[in-house]
Amino acid sequence: MLRPRGKTALVLAGGGIMGAAYEIGCLTALDQLFRDDFGVNRFDFYVGVSAGSVIASLIANGISPAALFRAISRDERTVFNWQRRDIYRFDLLATLACVGRVFASSWRIYRSYRKSRSSFSFNDLIYILQEQFPSGLFSLTPMQQFLCRSFRDEGLCDDFRDLPRPLYIPAYDIDSGERVVFGDDEEQNGVHICEAITASSAIPFFFTPQKIAGRYFIDGSIGRISHVDIAVEKGARLIVLVNPRVPMVNDPQKICLPSLSYGHCTSIARLGIGAAWEQSQRIETRQKLDLALAYYRRVHPEIDILVLEPGPEESLLFFQSPMSQVARNQIMHYGYHLTLGQLNSRREEFSRALRRHRVPHRERPLTDIAARLAGSSRTEGEGP
C-alpha cells in the first residue's frame, strides 16, 4: 500500500577530508538511482555534520555531486576542488605569540600566587603553561575565510533563510555542553552557513573551538554521530544516511595491514598513537550509530532509514593521510564504485522503501559512468 508522499531527508555524517571525498563519490552514484523528477539535490531538507556539512551545504545550494566529482577527478582550478592549504595552516606567529605570552605572564602569575598565599607545585606549572597555548593545533580561521570567500565568488547562498531547501548543521557549545542546530529559526541570529560549517568541523585537539557570537563551538560529531533525530523531528519519513566512518576489521586471515616501517603485516595497536586513536573513534562511531538507528526504527516504524557506508573489511583505504590529494581522489572513486555496487546488490531493499514513499527511481541495474564524468566537459550544474 502506497503511503502519502512524506518528507525526505539526506543526512551526511562526518569523517574528515577523506569522509567528505567518500560522500561525493557515494552521492554521485546515488544520484543515478533517481529519475529526472527527483535527485540528490531535491531532498526536502539536509542535515550535515562536521565534514559532511561542507558537502550538505553545496548540495543544498544546488551543486550536483557529479560536478564535485568531476572537479576533483580532473583536478580543476575551482573552489570545489579545495586544497590542504585552504584548511590546514599551522599558525607560526600565533604559536610564537603564545610562547611570548608565557614569559610575559610569568611575573604576574607568580605575584598572584604569592598574594593568595597559595602553594605552588610542578603540576600547577603544567596547567599554567597549558592555559597560555591554543586549545587546538590548527586554527579554523583559514577554512572559514576560504568557505566564505568561495560562497561569495561562486554566487552560492550563505544564508540559511535563503536556501531553496532547509539545511541543518549541528555543533556543540563547549562551555554549556548544549547542542546547537544552525539553520533552526531560533539559532540563526545572522550566523552564516560558512560559519556554521567551521563550528561543526572543530575537531577537539586538532582545531581550536570556533567562536561565534561570544560562544565557542566544537565538532558536531562529538555527541551524536548522525543527528538523525533532527530529520525525524522535522517530519522526514524517508531518511538516507551516508556514514563514511566505520571501524576496520583487521583480520590477518583476509587482509594484510602493512607496517610502513618494516613492511610486514601488523596489528593496529603497533601502528602508533594516530592509528589507534582513529580506530577507537571509529568503534565509538559505530556503537553510537547502531544504538541510534535501532532506537528510531523501533520508536518510529513508519520511517525508513537507508544507510550507505563502507564495509568494515574495505576501510583500509581510509587509513591515508588527509593531506594527500591523490588519496582523496582515490577515496572518492572508491566511494562511487562501492556505492554503485551496493545500490545494485540492494536494489530490492531500496526500491521497496522508495516506492513506499512515492520517490521516483530507476529499478534497472545502474551503470558505471565514472570514466565519463572524469573526462566530461559538461557544465557544473548538470547531473550524471
Protein backbone atom coordinates (compact mmCIF):
# COMPACT_ATOMS: atom_id res chain seq x y z
CA MET A 1 0.00 0.00 0.00
CA LEU A 2 1.36 3.41 -1.01
CA ARG A 3 1.78 5.92 1.77
CA PRO A 4 1.15 9.61 1.21
CA ARG A 5 4.25 11.37 -0.09
CA GLY A 6 6.23 12.18 3.06
CA LYS A 7 9.22 14.42 3.59
CA THR A 8 12.66 13.16 2.60
CA ALA A 9 15.98 13.98 4.26
CA LEU A 10 19.60 13.44 3.32
CA VAL A 11 21.92 13.14 6.32
CA LEU A 12 25.70 13.33 5.83
CA ALA A 13 27.83 12.30 8.81
CA GLY A 14 31.38 13.47 9.46
CA GLY A 15 34.65 11.79 8.61
CA GLY A 16 37.26 14.42 7.83
CA ILE A 17 38.56 15.21 4.35
CA MET A 18 38.54 11.53 3.37
CA GLY A 19 34.98 11.17 4.61
CA ALA A 20 33.91 14.15 2.50
CA ALA A 21 35.59 12.61 -0.54
CA TYR A 22 33.78 9.32 0.06
CA GLU A 23 30.46 11.19 0.34
CA ILE A 24 30.99 12.91 -3.02
CA GLY A 25 31.57 9.55 -4.70
CA CYS A 26 28.68 7.96 -2.84
CA LEU A 27 26.21 10.72 -3.75
CA THR A 28 27.32 10.69 -7.39
CA ALA A 29 26.35 7.03 -7.56
CA LEU A 30 23.15 7.57 -5.56
CA ASP A 31 22.02 10.30 -7.95
CA GLN A 32 21.79 7.73 -10.73
CA LEU A 33 19.20 5.80 -8.76
CA PHE A 34 16.59 8.54 -9.09
CA ARG A 35 14.59 9.56 -12.13
CA ASP A 36 14.73 13.07 -13.60
CA ASP A 37 11.95 14.47 -11.38
CA PHE A 38 13.93 13.62 -8.22
CA GLY A 39 17.59 13.55 -7.22
CA VAL A 40 20.18 14.19 -4.54
CA ASN A 41 19.56 17.93 -4.93
CA ARG A 42 15.79 17.51 -4.43
CA PHE A 43 15.50 16.09 -0.93
CA ASP A 44 13.15 18.13 1.24
CA PHE A 45 15.96 19.05 3.63
CA TYR A 46 19.54 18.27 4.56
CA VAL A 47 21.50 17.58 7.74
CA GLY A 48 25.29 17.92 7.59
CA VAL A 49 27.67 17.08 10.43
CA SER A 50 31.31 18.14 10.61
CA ALA A 51 32.92 17.43 7.19
CA GLY A 52 29.52 16.29 5.98
CA SER A 53 28.24 19.84 6.50
CA VAL A 54 30.50 21.06 3.68
CA ILE A 55 29.01 18.62 1.19
CA ALA A 56 25.47 19.09 2.50
CA SER A 57 25.80 22.88 2.09
CA LEU A 58 26.91 22.55 -1.53
CA ILE A 59 24.15 20.03 -2.32
CA ALA A 60 21.55 22.27 -0.65
CA ASN A 61 22.83 25.09 -2.87
CA GLY A 62 22.03 23.06 -5.97
CA ILE A 63 25.56 21.91 -6.83
CA SER A 64 25.30 18.40 -8.23
CA PRO A 65 27.56 15.69 -6.78
CA ALA A 66 28.66 14.95 -10.35
CA ALA A 67 30.06 18.48 -10.60
CA LEU A 68 32.06 17.96 -7.40
CA PHE A 69 33.21 14.54 -8.62
CA ARG A 70 34.36 16.00 -11.92
CA ALA A 71 36.21 18.93 -10.35
CA ILE A 72 38.27 16.65 -8.11
CA SER A 73 38.83 13.93 -10.73
CA ARG A 74 40.16 16.42 -13.24
CA ASP A 75 41.96 18.49 -10.58
CA GLU A 76 40.22 21.61 -11.87
CA ARG A 77 41.09 25.04 -10.55
CA THR A 78 37.80 25.63 -8.79
CA VAL A 79 36.70 26.28 -5.23
CA PHE A 80 35.03 22.87 -5.22
CA ASN A 81 38.47 21.26 -5.54
CA TRP A 82 39.81 22.62 -2.26
CA GLN A 83 43.46 22.18 -1.34
CA ARG A 84 45.01 21.36 2.01
CA ARG A 85 46.36 24.90 2.36
CA ASP A 86 42.75 26.11 2.30
CA ILE A 87 42.03 24.19 5.52
CA TYR A 88 45.25 23.20 7.30
CA ARG A 89 47.59 26.05 8.10
CA PHE A 90 49.93 25.99 11.06
CA ASP A 91 49.93 29.47 12.56
CA LEU A 92 53.59 30.00 13.48
CA LEU A 93 53.06 33.62 14.52
CA ALA A 94 50.27 32.63 16.92
CA THR A 95 52.46 29.93 18.44
CA LEU A 96 55.36 32.34 18.91
CA ALA A 97 52.95 34.84 20.46
CA CYS A 98 51.85 32.16 22.94
CA VAL A 99 55.46 31.49 23.90
CA GLY A 100 55.99 35.21 24.41
CA ARG A 101 52.82 35.38 26.50
CA VAL A 102 54.16 32.67 28.81
CA PHE A 103 57.24 34.73 29.61
CA ALA A 104 55.29 37.99 29.81
CA SER A 105 52.75 36.49 32.22
CA SER A 106 55.21 34.65 34.45
CA TRP A 107 55.78 37.51 36.90
CA ARG A 108 52.07 38.35 37.13
CA ILE A 109 51.19 34.70 37.77
CA TYR A 110 53.89 34.42 40.43
CA ARG A 111 52.61 37.55 42.19
CA SER A 112 49.06 36.20 42.11
CA TYR A 113 50.17 33.02 43.87
CA ARG A 114 52.17 34.98 46.45
CA LYS A 115 49.27 37.33 47.13
CA SER A 116 46.82 34.48 47.72
CA ARG A 117 49.48 32.57 49.72
CA SER A 118 48.77 29.52 47.57
CA SER A 119 51.26 26.69 47.40
CA PHE A 120 52.96 26.19 44.07
CA SER A 121 53.80 22.77 42.59
CA PHE A 122 55.15 21.36 39.37
CA ASN A 123 51.63 20.18 38.48
CA ASP A 124 50.42 23.77 38.79
CA LEU A 125 53.11 24.84 36.36
CA ILE A 126 51.93 22.30 33.75
CA TYR A 127 48.36 23.61 33.89
CA ILE A 128 49.52 27.23 33.85
CA LEU A 129 51.63 26.63 30.76
CA GLN A 130 48.73 24.77 29.11
CA GLU A 131 46.46 27.80 29.60
CA GLN A 132 48.86 30.00 27.64
CA PHE A 133 48.67 27.90 24.46
CA PRO A 134 45.81 27.44 21.97
CA SER A 135 43.24 24.68 22.58
CA GLY A 136 43.99 23.10 19.20
CA LEU A 137 46.87 22.53 16.79
CA PHE A 138 45.27 24.43 13.93
CA SER A 139 43.05 27.45 13.63
CA LEU A 140 39.80 27.20 11.66
CA THR A 141 40.11 30.81 10.53
CA PRO A 142 41.69 29.89 7.15
CA MET A 143 38.92 27.37 6.49
CA GLN A 144 36.16 29.84 7.36
CA GLN A 145 37.74 32.58 5.25
CA PHE A 146 38.09 30.16 2.32
CA LEU A 147 34.49 28.98 2.60
CA CYS A 148 33.00 32.46 2.98
CA ARG A 149 35.05 33.74 0.03
CA SER A 150 34.15 30.71 -2.09
CA PHE A 151 30.44 31.02 -1.37
CA ARG A 152 30.62 34.68 -2.38
CA ASP A 153 32.73 34.15 -5.53
CA GLU A 154 30.59 31.25 -6.76
CA GLY A 155 27.33 33.05 -6.04
CA LEU A 156 26.24 30.42 -3.52
CA CYS A 157 23.72 31.15 -0.81
CA ASP A 158 25.44 31.74 2.55
CA ASP A 159 22.24 32.47 4.46
CA PHE A 160 20.17 29.59 5.85
CA ARG A 161 16.96 31.55 5.31
CA ASP A 162 17.53 31.99 1.58
CA LEU A 163 18.26 28.38 0.67
CA PRO A 164 15.70 26.70 -1.61
CA ARG A 165 15.61 23.76 0.81
CA PRO A 166 16.33 23.79 4.56
CA LEU A 167 19.79 22.88 5.84
CA TYR A 168 20.66 21.99 9.43
CA ILE A 169 24.21 21.93 10.83
CA PRO A 170 24.74 20.83 14.46
CA ALA A 171 27.65 21.78 16.72
CA TYR A 172 28.26 21.77 20.48
CA ASP A 173 28.81 24.71 22.80
CA ILE A 174 31.99 23.66 24.65
CA ASP A 175 31.11 25.65 27.79
CA SER A 176 27.50 24.56 28.27
CA GLY A 177 27.66 21.17 26.55
CA GLU A 178 24.49 22.17 24.69
CA ARG A 179 23.85 21.10 21.12
CA VAL A 180 23.10 24.00 18.80
CA VAL A 181 21.47 23.33 15.43
CA PHE A 182 22.33 26.09 12.99
CA GLY A 183 19.55 26.50 10.47
CA ASP A 184 16.81 26.34 13.09
CA ASP A 185 14.95 29.65 13.28
CA GLU A 186 15.91 30.26 16.89
CA GLU A 187 19.59 29.54 16.21
CA GLN A 188 20.13 31.58 13.05
CA ASN A 189 20.73 35.00 14.56
CA GLY A 190 22.63 36.13 11.47
CA VAL A 191 25.04 33.15 11.50
CA HIS A 192 26.34 32.45 8.01
CA ILE A 193 26.47 28.93 6.60
CA CYS A 194 30.26 29.16 6.26
CA GLU A 195 30.47 29.99 9.99
CA ALA A 196 28.23 27.07 10.93
CA ILE A 197 30.36 24.67 8.87
CA THR A 198 33.54 25.67 10.68
CA ALA A 199 31.81 25.40 14.06
CA SER A 200 30.63 21.87 13.27
CA SER A 201 34.10 20.91 12.00
CA ALA A 202 36.12 21.98 15.06
CA ILE A 203 37.61 18.60 15.94
CA PRO A 204 38.98 18.77 19.51
CA PHE A 205 42.79 18.88 19.87
CA PHE A 206 43.15 19.21 16.09
CA PHE A 207 41.28 22.52 15.69
CA THR A 208 40.68 25.27 18.22
CA PRO A 209 37.00 25.75 19.18
CA GLN A 210 35.24 28.13 16.81
CA LYS A 211 33.93 31.38 18.28
CA ILE A 212 30.54 32.64 17.09
CA ALA A 213 28.67 35.46 18.82
CA GLY A 214 30.69 35.07 22.03
CA ARG A 215 30.23 31.28 22.25
CA TYR A 216 32.80 28.58 21.46
CA PHE A 217 31.77 25.54 19.43
CA ILE A 218 33.27 22.11 18.74
CA ASP A 219 32.72 19.28 16.28
CA GLY A 220 29.12 18.15 15.77
CA SER A 221 30.27 14.51 15.78
CA ILE A 222 31.42 14.67 19.40
CA GLY A 223 27.98 13.84 20.82
CA ARG A 224 25.60 12.22 18.38
CA ILE A 225 27.10 10.80 15.21
CA SER A 226 24.49 11.41 12.56
CA HIS A 227 21.93 13.61 14.37
CA VAL A 228 19.16 11.61 12.70
CA ASP A 229 16.83 12.98 15.37
CA ILE A 230 16.89 16.36 13.59
CA ALA A 231 15.48 14.75 10.45
CA VAL A 232 12.88 12.85 12.49
CA GLU A 233 11.77 15.98 14.36
CA LYS A 234 11.44 17.91 11.10
CA GLY A 235 9.00 15.30 9.81
CA ALA A 236 11.13 13.16 7.49
CA ARG A 237 9.61 9.80 6.60
CA LEU A 238 12.42 8.68 4.32
CA ILE A 239 15.97 9.30 5.51
CA VAL A 240 19.09 8.47 3.51
CA LEU A 241 22.13 8.45 5.79
CA VAL A 242 25.69 8.44 4.45
CA ASN A 243 28.25 7.41 7.07
CA PRO A 244 31.90 7.27 5.91
CA ARG A 245 33.43 6.25 9.23
CA VAL A 246 33.34 2.56 10.17
CA PRO A 247 35.86 0.56 12.22
CA MET A 248 38.30 -1.59 10.32
CA VAL A 249 38.26 -5.34 10.83
CA ASN A 250 41.96 -6.21 10.78
CA ASP A 251 41.61 -9.95 10.16
CA PRO A 252 45.02 -11.40 9.18
CA GLN A 253 43.23 -14.33 7.52
CA LYS A 254 41.68 -11.95 4.98
CA ILE A 255 43.83 -8.84 4.68
CA CYS A 256 47.32 -7.60 5.47
CA LEU A 257 47.63 -4.29 7.27
CA PRO A 258 51.25 -3.36 6.49
CA SER A 259 53.66 -1.52 8.72
CA LEU A 260 55.26 1.31 6.74
CA SER A 261 58.39 0.96 8.86
CA TYR A 262 59.01 -2.77 8.34
CA GLY A 263 56.67 -3.88 5.55
CA HIS A 264 55.15 -6.87 7.35
CA CYS A 265 51.54 -7.36 8.42
CA THR A 266 50.78 -6.00 11.86
CA SER A 267 48.15 -5.00 14.39
CA ILE A 268 46.57 -1.55 14.52
CA ALA A 269 47.98 -1.32 18.06
CA ARG A 270 51.51 -1.37 16.61
CA LEU A 271 50.91 1.46 14.12
CA GLY A 272 51.24 4.23 16.67
CA ILE A 273 49.01 6.59 18.58
CA GLY A 274 47.39 8.10 15.49
CA ALA A 275 46.10 4.81 14.07
CA ALA A 276 44.98 3.56 17.49
CA TRP A 277 43.09 6.80 18.18
CA GLU A 278 41.46 6.75 14.74
CA GLN A 279 40.27 3.16 15.16
CA SER A 280 38.93 3.91 18.65
CA GLN A 281 36.92 6.82 17.26
CA ARG A 282 35.53 4.59 14.52
CA ILE A 283 34.48 1.99 17.09
CA GLU A 284 32.73 4.66 19.14
CA THR A 285 31.02 5.98 15.99
CA ARG A 286 29.81 2.50 15.07
CA GLN A 287 28.36 1.81 18.52
CA LYS A 288 26.59 5.18 18.80
CA LEU A 289 25.14 4.92 15.31
CA ASP A 290 23.89 1.36 15.77
CA LEU A 291 22.14 2.31 19.02
CA ALA A 292 20.56 5.41 17.45
CA LEU A 293 19.30 3.56 14.37
CA ALA A 294 17.89 0.72 16.46
CA TYR A 295 16.05 3.22 18.65
CA TYR A 296 14.49 5.23 15.82
CA ARG A 297 13.48 2.14 13.86
CA ARG A 298 11.76 0.77 16.96
CA VAL A 299 10.05 4.01 18.05
CA HIS A 300 9.22 5.22 14.51
CA PRO A 301 8.43 2.14 12.38
CA GLU A 302 6.76 4.43 9.83
CA ILE A 303 10.17 5.94 8.99
CA ASP A 304 12.56 4.24 6.56
CA ILE A 305 16.26 4.89 7.18
CA LEU A 306 18.54 3.77 4.34
CA VAL A 307 22.24 3.67 5.29
CA LEU A 308 25.15 3.85 2.87
CA GLU A 309 28.62 3.22 4.28
CA PRO A 310 31.80 1.25 3.58
CA GLY A 311 32.07 -2.34 4.70
CA PRO A 312 34.43 -2.91 7.65
CA GLU A 313 36.68 -5.12 5.55
CA GLU A 314 37.12 -2.32 3.00
CA SER A 315 38.03 0.57 5.27
CA LEU A 316 41.79 0.11 4.89
CA LEU A 317 41.73 2.86 2.27
CA PHE A 318 40.67 5.34 4.93
CA PHE A 319 43.97 4.97 6.77
CA GLN A 320 45.61 7.51 4.50
CA SER A 321 46.96 10.99 5.05
CA PRO A 322 44.21 13.65 4.91
CA MET A 323 46.83 15.91 3.34
CA SER A 324 47.14 13.71 0.23
CA GLN A 325 45.41 14.96 -2.92
CA VAL A 326 45.96 11.58 -4.63
CA ALA A 327 44.44 9.68 -1.71
CA ARG A 328 41.38 11.95 -1.71
CA ASN A 329 40.77 11.24 -5.41
CA GLN A 330 41.15 7.50 -4.80
CA ILE A 331 38.72 7.55 -1.87
CA MET A 332 36.16 9.47 -3.93
CA HIS A 333 36.31 6.91 -6.75
CA TYR A 334 36.25 4.10 -4.20
CA GLY A 335 33.11 5.58 -2.64
CA TYR A 336 31.49 5.85 -6.05
CA HIS A 337 32.18 2.27 -7.15
CA LEU A 338 31.40 0.78 -3.74
CA THR A 339 28.04 2.60 -3.58
CA LEU A 340 27.22 1.68 -7.16
CA GLY A 341 27.75 -1.99 -6.27
CA GLN A 342 25.70 -1.64 -3.09
CA LEU A 343 22.79 0.01 -4.90
CA ASN A 344 22.73 -2.82 -7.44
CA SER A 345 23.02 -5.58 -4.84
CA ARG A 346 20.48 -3.91 -2.52
CA ARG A 347 18.20 -2.81 -5.34
CA GLU A 348 15.13 -4.58 -3.95
CA GLU A 349 15.60 -3.06 -0.47
CA PHE A 350 15.97 0.47 -1.84
CA SER A 351 13.16 0.11 -4.37
CA ARG A 352 10.78 -1.16 -1.70
CA ALA A 353 11.47 1.84 0.57
CA LEU A 354 11.39 4.38 -2.25
CA ARG A 355 8.11 3.01 -3.58
CA ARG A 356 6.54 3.26 -0.13
CA HIS A 357 7.34 6.95 -0.04
CA ARG A 358 6.50 7.56 -3.70
CA VAL A 359 10.02 8.61 -4.65
CA PRO A 360 10.59 8.19 -8.42
CA HIS A 361 13.56 5.94 -9.12
CA ARG A 362 15.07 3.53 -11.60
CA GLU A 363 14.70 -0.17 -10.88
CA ARG A 364 17.12 -1.41 -13.51
CA PRO A 365 20.80 -2.03 -12.64
CA LEU A 366 22.92 1.12 -12.60
CA THR A 367 25.88 1.50 -14.91
CA ASP A 368 29.38 2.84 -14.25
CA ILE A 369 29.80 6.40 -15.57
CA ALA A 370 32.85 7.40 -13.53
CA ALA A 371 35.20 7.48 -16.52
CA ARG A 372 32.77 9.66 -18.47
CA LEU A 373 32.40 12.07 -15.56
CA ALA A 374 36.15 12.36 -15.06
CA GLY A 375 36.66 13.21 -18.71
CA SER A 376 33.43 15.13 -19.31
CA SER A 377 33.29 18.76 -20.36
CA ARG A 378 29.68 19.22 -19.30
CA THR A 379 28.72 22.18 -17.20
CA GLU A 380 28.77 22.15 -13.41
CA GLY A 381 25.04 22.26 -12.93
CA GLU A 382 24.39 19.06 -14.89
CA GLY A 383 23.88 15.74 -13.23
CA PRO A 384 25.22 12.38 -14.37
